[in-house]
C-alpha atoms as a PDB file:
ATOM      1  CA  MET A   1       0.000   0.000   0.000  1.00  0.00           C
ATOM      2  CA  ALA A   2       2.910   2.336   0.690  1.00  0.00           C
ATOM      3  CA  GLU A   3       4.092   1.821  -2.876  1.00  0.00           C
ATOM      4  CA  GLY A   4       0.673   2.798  -4.194  1.00  0.00           C
ATOM      5  CA  MET A   5       0.764   5.931  -2.050  1.00  0.00           C
ATOM      6  CA  ASP A   6       4.270   6.752  -3.324  1.00  0.00           C
ATOM      7  CA  ASN A   7       3.066   6.360  -6.901  1.00  0.00           C
ATOM      8  CA  LEU A   8       0.095   8.604  -6.199  1.00  0.00           C
ATOM      9  CA  VAL A   9       2.350  11.291  -4.709  1.00  0.00           C
ATOM     10  CA  LEU A  10       4.786  10.985  -7.607  1.00  0.00           C
ATOM     11  CA  GLU A  11       1.943  11.291 -10.112  1.00  0.00           C
ATOM     12  CA  GLN A  12       0.705  14.451  -8.391  1.00  0.00           C
ATOM     13  CA  LEU A  13       4.246  15.870  -8.393  1.00  0.00           C
ATOM     14  CA  ARG A  14       4.555  15.120 -12.126  1.00  0.00           C
ATOM     15  CA  MET A  15       1.286  16.928 -12.768  1.00  0.00           C
ATOM     16  CA  ILE A  16       2.472  19.894 -10.719  1.00  0.00           C
ATOM     17  CA  ARG A  17       5.744  19.947 -12.667  1.00  0.00           C
ATOM     18  CA  GLU A  18       3.826  19.965 -15.967  1.00  0.00           C
ATOM     19  CA  ASP A  19       1.620  22.797 -14.712  1.00  0.00           C
ATOM     20  CA  LEU A  20       4.718  24.771 -13.749  1.00  0.00           C
ATOM     21  CA  LYS A  21       6.253  24.213 -17.196  1.00  0.00           C
ATOM     22  CA  SER A  22       3.049  25.438 -18.780  1.00  0.00           C
ATOM     23  CA  LEU A  23       2.982  28.496 -16.544  1.00  0.00           C
ATOM     24  CA  ARG A  24       6.612  29.287 -17.360  1.00  0.00           C
ATOM     25  CA  THR A  25       5.873  29.047 -21.073  1.00  0.00           C
ATOM     26  CA  ASP A  26       2.807  31.257 -20.748  1.00  0.00           C
ATOM     27  CA  LEU A  27       4.759  33.766 -18.670  1.00  0.00           C
ATOM     28  CA  SER A  28       7.564  33.894 -21.227  1.00  0.00           C
ATOM     29  CA  GLU A  29       5.087  34.459 -24.041  1.00  0.00           C
ATOM     30  CA  SER A  30       3.359  37.155 -22.010  1.00  0.00           C
ATOM     31  CA  LYS A  31       6.684  38.883 -21.356  1.00  0.00           C
ATOM     32  CA  VAL A  32       7.424  38.990 -25.071  1.00  0.00           C
ATOM     33  CA  GLU A  33       3.958  40.380 -25.789  1.00  0.00           C
ATOM     34  CA  VAL A  34       4.210  42.998 -23.047  1.00  0.00           C
ATOM     35  CA  ARG A  35       7.646  44.078 -24.259  1.00  0.00           C
ATOM     36  CA  GLY A  36       6.282  44.483 -27.776  1.00  0.00           C
ATOM     37  CA  ASP A  37       3.328  46.470 -26.502  1.00  0.00           C
ATOM     38  CA  LEU A  38       5.632  48.632 -24.375  1.00  0.00           C
ATOM     39  CA  ALA A  39       7.828  49.382 -27.369  1.00  0.00           C
ATOM     40  CA  GLU A  40       4.721  50.393 -29.316  1.00  0.00           C
ATOM     41  CA  VAL A  41       3.544  52.645 -26.479  1.00  0.00           C
ATOM     42  CA  LYS A  42       6.982  54.278 -26.255  1.00  0.00           C
ATOM     43  CA  SER A  43       6.901  54.917 -29.985  1.00  0.00           C
ATOM     44  CA  ASP A  44       3.408  56.409 -29.750  1.00  0.00           C
ATOM     45  CA  VAL A  45       4.471  58.648 -26.849  1.00  0.00           C
ATOM     46  CA  GLY A  46       7.450  59.863 -28.871  1.00  0.00           C
ATOM     47  CA  GLY A  47       5.155  60.683 -31.783  1.00  0.00           C
ATOM     48  CA  LEU A  48       2.742  62.519 -29.496  1.00  0.00           C
ATOM     49  CA  ARG A  49       5.605  64.547 -28.031  1.00  0.00           C
ATOM     50  CA  MET A  50       6.619  65.617 -31.516  1.00  0.00           C
ATOM     51  CA  MET A  51       3.020  66.529 -32.371  1.00  0.00           C
ATOM     52  CA  VAL A  52       2.606  68.584 -29.189  1.00  0.00           C
ATOM     53  CA  SER A  53       5.879  70.354 -29.867  1.00  0.00           C
ATOM     54  CA  GLY A  54       4.757  71.131 -33.407  1.00  0.00           C
ATOM     55  CA  LEU A  55       1.385  72.373 -32.189  1.00  0.00           C
ATOM     56  CA  ALA A  56       3.055  74.567 -29.580  1.00  0.00           C
ATOM     57  CA  SER A  57       5.141  76.121 -32.336  1.00  0.00           C
ATOM     58  CA  VAL A  58       2.065  76.761 -34.497  1.00  0.00           C
ATOM     59  CA  ILE A  59       0.182  78.248 -31.536  1.00  0.00           C
ATOM     60  CA  GLY A  60       3.145  80.537 -30.848  1.00  0.00           C
ATOM     61  CA  GLN A  61       3.122  81.708 -34.458  1.00  0.00           C
ATOM     62  CA  LEU A  62      -0.633  82.324 -34.341  1.00  0.00           C
ATOM     63  CA  ASP A  63      -0.216  84.291 -31.125  1.00  0.00           C
ATOM     64  CA  GLU A  64       2.411  86.489 -32.783  1.00  0.00           C
ATOM     65  CA  ARG A  65       0.122  87.095 -35.761  1.00  0.00           C
ATOM     66  CA  VAL A  66      -2.810  87.994 -33.508  1.00  0.00           C
ATOM     67  CA  GLU A  67      -0.593  90.413 -31.591  1.00  0.00           C
ATOM     68  CA  HIS A  68       0.515  91.976 -34.880  1.00  0.00           C
ATOM     69  CA  VAL A  69      -3.086  92.369 -36.054  1.00  0.00           C
ATOM     70  CA  GLU A  70      -4.027  93.854 -32.664  1.00  0.00           C
ATOM     71  CA  GLU A  71      -1.188  96.353 -32.971  1.00  0.00           C
ATOM     72  CA  LYS A  72      -2.349  97.321 -36.465  1.00  0.00           C
ATOM     73  CA  LEU A  73      -5.904  97.789 -35.239  1.00  0.00           C
ATOM     74  CA  GLY A  74      -4.791  99.711 -32.179  1.00  0.00           C
ATOM     75  CA  VAL A  75      -6.458  97.231 -29.871  1.00  0.00           C
ATOM     76  CA  LYS A  76      -3.311  96.301 -28.029  1.00  0.00           C
ATOM     77  CA  PRO A  77      -2.041  98.920 -25.548  1.00  0.00           C
END
């Protein structure tokens, strides 16, 4: 009976080992996916920074033009 119990314990340990292998594989795949997503997010953030910088430049130019028009109209003190 002890041998049957040993076999039962060993079978459970084998199943646990297989579950752990599966979890490791899934975790590795998830890491790769997350890294890819992170790289994409970093790229998007870089693009957004460039867009905001460009918009800030355009807004500055518009502000200068408005000030010039205000000066011409005598609206600006």
